Protein backbone atom coordinates (compact mmCIF):
# COMPACT_ATOMS: atom_id res chain seq x y z
CA MET A 1 -21.98 1.78 -3.29
CA LYS A 2 -25.22 3.74 -3.11
CA GLN A 3 -26.07 6.02 -6.00
CA LEU A 4 -27.65 9.40 -5.39
CA LYS A 5 -30.55 8.64 -7.70
CA ASP A 6 -31.46 5.53 -5.71
CA ILE A 7 -32.13 7.16 -2.34
CA PRO A 8 -34.94 9.50 -1.22
CA ARG A 9 -34.35 13.22 -0.72
CA SER A 10 -36.15 15.24 1.94
CA ILE A 11 -36.24 18.75 3.40
CA LEU A 12 -35.60 20.14 6.87
CA ASP A 13 -37.19 23.57 7.35
CA LEU A 14 -36.89 25.89 10.35
CA SER A 15 -39.40 28.45 9.05
CA PRO A 16 -36.71 31.16 9.10
CA ILE A 17 -37.80 34.70 9.95
CA GLN A 18 -36.02 37.28 7.81
CA VAL A 19 -34.72 40.61 9.07
CA GLY A 20 -37.71 42.93 9.10
CA GLY A 21 -40.14 40.05 8.58
CA THR A 22 -42.64 38.24 10.76
CA ALA A 23 -43.48 34.67 11.74
CA ALA A 24 -46.56 34.93 9.52
CA ASP A 25 -44.31 35.64 6.55
CA ALA A 26 -42.11 32.69 7.49
CA PHE A 27 -45.06 30.29 7.66
CA ARG A 28 -46.33 31.36 4.24
CA ARG A 29 -42.88 30.72 2.76
CA THR A 30 -42.70 27.35 4.52
CA LEU A 31 -45.97 26.21 2.99
CA ASP A 32 -44.98 27.49 -0.45
CA LEU A 33 -41.68 25.62 -0.20
CA ALA A 34 -43.47 22.42 0.84
CA GLN A 35 -45.89 22.66 -2.07
CA HIS A 36 -43.06 23.14 -4.55
CA ALA A 37 -41.06 20.35 -2.92
CA GLU A 38 -43.97 17.94 -3.28
CA ALA A 39 -44.23 18.76 -6.98
CA TRP A 40 -40.47 18.19 -7.35
CA GLY A 41 -40.59 14.73 -5.77
CA TYR A 42 -39.19 15.33 -2.30
CA HIS A 43 -40.06 12.47 0.04
CA ARG A 44 -40.66 14.16 3.38
CA PHE A 45 -40.73 17.65 4.88
CA TRP A 46 -39.67 18.05 8.49
CA LEU A 47 -39.90 21.00 10.86
CA ALA A 48 -37.80 21.56 13.97
CA GLU A 49 -38.59 22.71 17.50
CA HIS A 50 -36.61 25.73 18.69
CA HIS A 51 -37.63 28.21 21.38
CA GLY A 52 -36.79 31.84 21.98
CA MET A 53 -35.00 32.15 18.63
CA PRO A 54 -35.87 35.41 16.82
CA GLY A 55 -34.96 33.85 13.47
CA ILE A 56 -36.92 30.58 13.76
CA ALA A 57 -40.73 30.42 13.73
CA SER A 58 -41.35 26.67 14.20
CA ALA A 59 -41.53 26.58 18.02
CA ALA A 60 -45.07 25.13 18.05
CA THR A 61 -43.89 22.37 15.77
CA ALA A 62 -46.97 20.15 15.79
CA VAL A 63 -49.15 23.12 14.84
CA VAL A 64 -46.92 24.00 11.88
CA ILE A 65 -46.85 20.34 10.79
CA GLY A 66 -50.65 20.41 10.63
CA TYR A 67 -50.57 23.62 8.60
CA VAL A 68 -48.13 22.14 6.07
CA ALA A 69 -49.90 18.78 5.91
CA ALA A 70 -53.20 20.56 5.16
CA GLY A 71 -51.60 22.38 2.26
CA THR A 72 -49.99 19.33 0.66
CA GLN A 73 -51.33 16.05 -0.66
CA LYS A 74 -48.97 13.10 -0.32
CA MET A 75 -45.54 14.11 0.95
CA ARG A 76 -44.70 12.89 4.46
CA ILE A 77 -44.67 15.72 7.03
CA GLY A 78 -43.00 15.46 10.39
CA SER A 79 -40.74 16.73 13.12
CA GLY A 80 -37.02 17.01 12.89
CA GLY A 81 -37.58 17.12 15.70
CA ILE A 82 -39.76 17.40 18.76
CA MET A 83 -37.60 17.75 21.88
CA LEU A 84 -38.99 14.99 24.06
CA SER A 85 -37.60 16.39 27.31
CA ASN A 86 -39.67 19.56 26.86
CA HIS A 87 -43.04 17.82 26.91
CA ALA A 88 -45.06 15.20 28.71
CA PRO A 89 -45.03 12.04 26.55
CA LEU A 90 -48.82 11.88 26.71
CA VAL A 91 -49.12 15.35 25.18
CA ILE A 92 -46.86 14.38 22.27
CA ALA A 93 -48.80 11.15 21.74
CA GLU A 94 -52.09 13.08 21.61
CA GLN A 95 -50.70 15.74 19.27
CA PHE A 96 -49.24 13.27 16.81
CA GLY A 97 -52.17 10.91 17.19
CA THR A 98 -54.34 13.84 16.16
CA LEU A 99 -52.11 14.65 13.19
CA GLU A 100 -52.05 11.02 12.07
CA SER A 101 -55.83 10.84 12.37
CA MET A 102 -56.16 13.93 10.18
CA TYR A 103 -53.48 12.99 7.64
CA PRO A 104 -53.23 9.19 7.80
CA GLY A 105 -50.02 7.59 6.59
CA ARG A 106 -48.20 10.92 6.22
CA ILE A 107 -46.92 11.87 9.69
CA ASP A 108 -43.43 11.27 11.12
CA LEU A 109 -42.37 11.82 14.72
CA GLY A 110 -38.67 12.60 14.98
CA LEU A 111 -37.48 13.01 18.57
CA GLY A 112 -34.49 14.82 20.02
CA ARG A 113 -33.27 15.10 23.58
CA ALA A 114 -31.74 18.61 23.60
CA PRO A 115 -33.92 21.46 24.93
CA GLY A 116 -33.74 23.49 21.72
CA SER A 117 -33.39 26.60 23.85
CA ASN A 118 -31.38 28.21 26.65
CA GLN A 119 -31.64 27.17 30.28
CA PRO A 120 -34.21 29.79 31.40
CA THR A 121 -36.45 28.89 28.45
CA ALA A 122 -36.04 25.19 29.19
CA ARG A 123 -37.18 25.81 32.76
CA ALA A 124 -40.16 27.78 31.50
CA LEU A 125 -41.13 24.87 29.26
CA ARG A 126 -40.58 22.02 31.69
CA ARG A 127 -40.47 23.58 35.16
CA SER A 128 -37.66 21.13 35.98
CA LEU A 129 -34.56 20.14 34.03
CA GLN A 130 -34.24 16.46 33.25
CA THR A 131 -31.16 14.46 32.42
CA ASP A 132 -30.14 12.23 29.54
CA ASP A 133 -30.79 9.27 31.84
CA GLU A 134 -34.53 10.00 31.69
CA PHE A 135 -34.75 10.12 27.90
CA PRO A 136 -35.00 6.33 27.37
CA GLN A 137 -37.77 6.13 29.98
CA GLN A 138 -39.64 9.03 28.40
CA LEU A 139 -39.29 7.36 24.99
CA ALA A 140 -40.64 4.06 26.31
CA GLU A 141 -43.60 5.87 27.86
CA LEU A 142 -44.33 7.72 24.63
CA ARG A 143 -44.15 4.55 22.54
CA SER A 144 -46.52 2.78 24.94
CA PHE A 145 -49.23 5.35 24.27
CA PHE A 146 -49.31 4.32 20.59
CA GLN A 147 -49.86 0.65 21.43
CA PRO A 148 -53.32 -0.89 20.86
CA ARG A 149 -55.75 -0.38 23.69
CA ALA A 150 -55.30 -2.72 26.61
CA GLU A 151 -57.82 -3.36 29.36
CA GLY A 152 -57.23 -1.71 32.69
CA LEU A 153 -55.18 1.26 31.43
CA ARG A 154 -55.86 4.35 33.50
CA VAL A 155 -53.99 6.69 31.13
CA ARG A 156 -54.75 6.59 27.42
CA ALA A 157 -53.77 8.70 24.43
CA VAL A 158 -56.93 9.44 22.47
CA PRO A 159 -56.24 9.99 19.61
CA GLY A 160 -53.01 8.05 19.57
CA GLU A 161 -53.47 4.51 20.79
CA GLY A 162 -53.32 1.90 18.06
CA LEU A 163 -52.02 4.34 15.44
CA HIS A 164 -48.87 3.81 13.43
CA VAL A 165 -46.79 6.97 13.79
CA PRO A 166 -43.19 6.22 12.77
CA ILE A 167 -40.76 7.29 15.50
CA TRP A 168 -37.24 8.41 14.63
CA LEU A 169 -34.42 9.27 16.99
CA LEU A 170 -32.41 12.36 16.10
CA GLY A 171 -28.88 13.03 17.21
CA SER A 172 -25.76 15.13 16.84
CA SER A 173 -23.47 12.80 18.82
CA ASP A 174 -23.39 9.18 19.92
CA PHE A 175 -26.14 8.97 22.58
CA SER A 176 -29.19 8.74 20.33
CA ALA A 177 -27.22 6.79 17.71
CA GLN A 178 -26.62 3.99 20.19
CA LEU A 179 -30.15 4.11 21.59
CA ALA A 180 -31.70 4.01 18.11
CA GLY A 181 -29.51 1.04 17.23
CA HIS A 182 -30.38 -0.80 20.41
CA LEU A 183 -34.12 -0.26 19.88
CA GLY A 184 -34.06 -0.95 16.15
CA LEU A 185 -35.43 2.49 15.23
CA PRO A 186 -34.55 4.72 12.27
CA PHE A 187 -31.89 7.33 13.04
CA ALA A 188 -31.44 10.86 11.69
CA PHE A 189 -28.07 12.54 12.20
CA ALA A 190 -27.71 16.32 12.23
CA GLY A 191 -24.82 16.57 9.81
CA GLN A 192 -25.94 20.09 8.94
CA PHE A 193 -24.45 21.41 12.21
CA SER A 194 -22.44 18.56 13.75
CA PRO A 195 -20.17 17.15 11.04
CA ALA A 196 -17.37 16.30 13.50
CA TYR A 197 -19.38 13.46 15.04
CA MET A 198 -21.12 12.28 11.88
CA ASP A 199 -18.93 9.33 10.87
CA ALA A 200 -18.57 7.96 14.39
CA ALA A 201 -22.29 8.27 15.17
CA LEU A 202 -23.38 6.54 11.97
CA THR A 203 -20.88 3.74 12.52
CA LEU A 204 -22.07 3.27 16.11
CA TYR A 205 -25.70 3.18 15.02
CA ARG A 206 -25.03 0.48 12.45
CA GLN A 207 -22.82 -1.56 14.77
CA THR A 208 -25.32 -1.55 17.63
CA PHE A 209 -28.43 -2.03 15.50
CA LYS A 210 -30.75 -4.85 16.56
CA PRO A 211 -33.61 -5.86 14.26
CA SER A 212 -37.02 -4.94 15.66
CA ASP A 213 -40.66 -5.01 14.70
CA VAL A 214 -40.01 -1.57 13.18
CA LEU A 215 -36.91 -2.30 11.07
CA ASP A 216 -34.99 -5.39 10.07
CA ARG A 217 -31.92 -3.38 9.07
CA PRO A 218 -30.50 0.04 9.97
CA TYR A 219 -31.97 3.09 8.27
CA ALA A 220 -29.97 6.30 8.57
CA MET A 221 -31.02 9.69 7.27
CA VAL A 222 -28.34 12.38 7.29
CA GLY A 223 -28.83 16.14 7.35
CA VAL A 224 -26.77 18.38 5.09
CA ASN A 225 -26.77 22.07 4.17
CA VAL A 226 -27.05 22.73 0.42
CA PHE A 227 -26.67 26.05 -1.39
CA ALA A 228 -27.19 25.58 -5.11
CA ALA A 229 -27.23 28.31 -7.75
CA GLU A 230 -26.36 28.82 -11.39
CA SER A 231 -22.79 29.78 -10.46
CA GLU A 232 -20.42 28.89 -7.64
CA ASP A 233 -20.01 32.56 -6.71
CA GLU A 234 -23.77 33.00 -6.40
CA ALA A 235 -24.05 29.89 -4.22
CA HIS A 236 -21.33 31.13 -1.86
CA PHE A 237 -23.07 34.50 -1.72
CA LEU A 238 -26.35 32.83 -0.71
CA SER A 239 -24.63 30.79 2.02
CA THR A 240 -23.51 33.90 3.93
CA SER A 241 -26.95 34.40 5.50
CA GLN A 242 -26.54 31.16 7.42
CA GLN A 243 -22.94 32.04 8.29
CA GLN A 244 -24.08 35.34 9.77
CA MET A 245 -26.76 33.57 11.83
CA HIS A 246 -24.14 31.21 13.25
CA VAL A 247 -21.84 34.13 14.09
CA ASN A 248 -24.69 35.55 16.15
CA LEU A 249 -25.13 32.20 17.88
CA VAL A 250 -21.42 32.12 18.74
CA ARG A 251 -21.85 35.59 20.26
CA GLY A 252 -24.90 34.48 22.21
CA ILE A 253 -27.21 36.94 20.43
CA PRO A 254 -29.34 34.92 17.99
CA GLY A 255 -31.19 37.08 15.51
CA GLN A 256 -33.36 37.06 12.42
CA MET A 257 -32.01 35.82 9.11
CA PRO A 258 -29.96 38.60 7.47
CA PRO A 259 -29.56 39.18 3.75
CA PRO A 260 -26.43 37.69 2.16
CA VAL A 261 -23.20 39.66 1.78
CA HIS A 262 -20.40 39.49 -0.74
CA SER A 263 -17.73 39.19 1.95
CA MET A 264 -17.76 37.96 5.54
CA GLU A 265 -14.30 39.35 6.25
CA SER A 266 -15.42 42.32 8.32
CA LEU A 267 -18.28 40.47 9.99
CA TRP A 268 -16.41 37.87 12.01
CA SER A 269 -13.24 37.52 14.02
CA PRO A 270 -10.74 34.71 13.29
CA HIS A 271 -12.03 32.55 16.15
CA GLU A 272 -15.66 33.13 15.11
CA GLN A 273 -14.79 32.22 11.53
CA ALA A 274 -13.10 29.02 12.70
CA SER A 275 -16.10 28.08 14.83
CA VAL A 276 -18.66 28.73 12.10
CA GLU A 277 -16.64 26.97 9.40
CA ALA A 278 -16.18 23.93 11.65
CA THR A 279 -19.92 23.77 12.32
CA LEU A 280 -20.88 24.16 8.65
CA ARG A 281 -17.96 22.43 6.99
CA ALA A 282 -20.06 19.61 5.54
CA SER A 283 -22.14 22.11 3.56
CA ILE A 284 -22.55 21.59 -0.17
CA ILE A 285 -22.14 24.81 -2.15
CA GLY A 286 -21.89 25.33 -5.90
CA ASP A 287 -23.41 25.25 -9.35
CA PRO A 288 -25.53 22.29 -10.52
CA THR A 289 -22.57 20.16 -11.62
CA MET A 290 -20.67 20.81 -8.40
CA VAL A 291 -23.72 20.14 -6.25
CA LYS A 292 -24.38 16.78 -7.90
CA GLN A 293 -20.75 15.73 -7.45
CA GLN A 294 -20.68 16.85 -3.82
CA LEU A 295 -24.00 15.17 -3.01
CA GLN A 296 -22.75 11.88 -4.45
CA ALA A 297 -19.49 12.23 -2.50
CA PHE A 298 -21.52 12.86 0.67
CA VAL A 299 -23.56 9.71 0.05
CA ASP A 300 -20.34 7.76 -0.63
CA ARG A 301 -18.93 8.97 2.68
CA THR A 302 -22.00 8.43 4.85
CA GLN A 303 -23.74 5.57 3.02
CA ALA A 304 -26.93 7.36 4.00
CA ASP A 305 -30.23 5.69 3.23
CA GLU A 306 -31.78 9.15 2.78
CA LEU A 307 -30.61 12.77 2.79
CA ILE A 308 -32.53 15.59 4.45
CA ILE A 309 -31.51 18.97 3.10
CA ASN A 310 -31.45 22.29 4.92
CA SER A 311 -31.08 25.47 2.83
CA MET A 312 -31.10 28.64 4.93
CA ILE A 313 -31.33 31.12 2.06
CA PHE A 314 -32.66 34.66 2.57
CA ASP A 315 -34.34 35.25 -0.79
CA HIS A 316 -37.33 32.92 -1.14
CA ALA A 317 -37.06 32.65 -4.92
CA ALA A 318 -33.37 31.75 -4.62
CA ARG A 319 -34.21 29.19 -1.94
CA LEU A 320 -36.81 27.56 -4.17
CA HIS A 321 -34.33 27.56 -7.04
CA SER A 322 -31.70 25.86 -4.87
CA TYR A 323 -34.09 23.03 -4.00
CA ARG A 324 -35.18 22.76 -7.61
CA ILE A 325 -31.56 22.40 -8.75
CA VAL A 326 -31.11 19.58 -6.24
CA ALA A 327 -34.22 17.84 -7.57
CA GLU A 328 -33.04 18.21 -11.17
CA VAL A 329 -29.50 16.89 -10.60
CA TRP A 330 -30.64 14.06 -8.34
CA HIS A 331 -31.75 11.90 -11.24
CA GLY A 332 -30.02 13.77 -14.04
């Protein structure tokens, strides 16, 4: 059985915009979090592509990755993820080839297939809506742009060609799990919002895995929400900001991150509560002792090779403290 102390820990950040705040504020907090995380020994720091979301500032994901990479020294910085169907593969290859050229050996390219937006926004991004059937072809095209230069190519990614930019497939169900296994690529599962499919997707990935020139064995990173504080009550209090954001998503009115509340009772209906709790039920909430126990239990369940932690906490100091508690209990 894997021990918590023996696997890497990483961070997923959405650059959350607080109620009354701005994207500029969110970016400053993102960089500050990354700098603290690097000092605390976190392995990688990923940012996610979402569009038209008033509470998420990381839409131009490659730009934010460059900002964070410039403000850190050694931690890996990447996308968790770039939504491949939103962009021409050549554009992604050039963007991440540029990032890898600027920050060699530190850039990850995690790819998802969902639009990360609503249908009108997806049309604005892509002009046409593509299907899951096109994702493998898009992925193959993208990967080809990172290959060493070959004579006769009429389309080249410069920068990009010949560079080693690790590609990950991200998923919240079985599609990308199976594709990642078939191609022998590392797989990241979004356990932070899709716990119902987590066990099945990880099993499928490992069962279908074929060794490749990238990996000789499966490598699964699993996302998990963590809210750590000095007391269990304080941790539950902090977690209500994310719960409120998910209530707004259920209602179809996404908003900025609200401050936490002492009770959600008057803020959601029974069916909204059931939906939010199902989405977030794999969250880890508690004091340092509880968090360590729950993290180890999560590793026991998933046999993850790495955990990537999402902590949507309103107060920046409390958010930093949550990540610091995780770092302290990880090896303690």
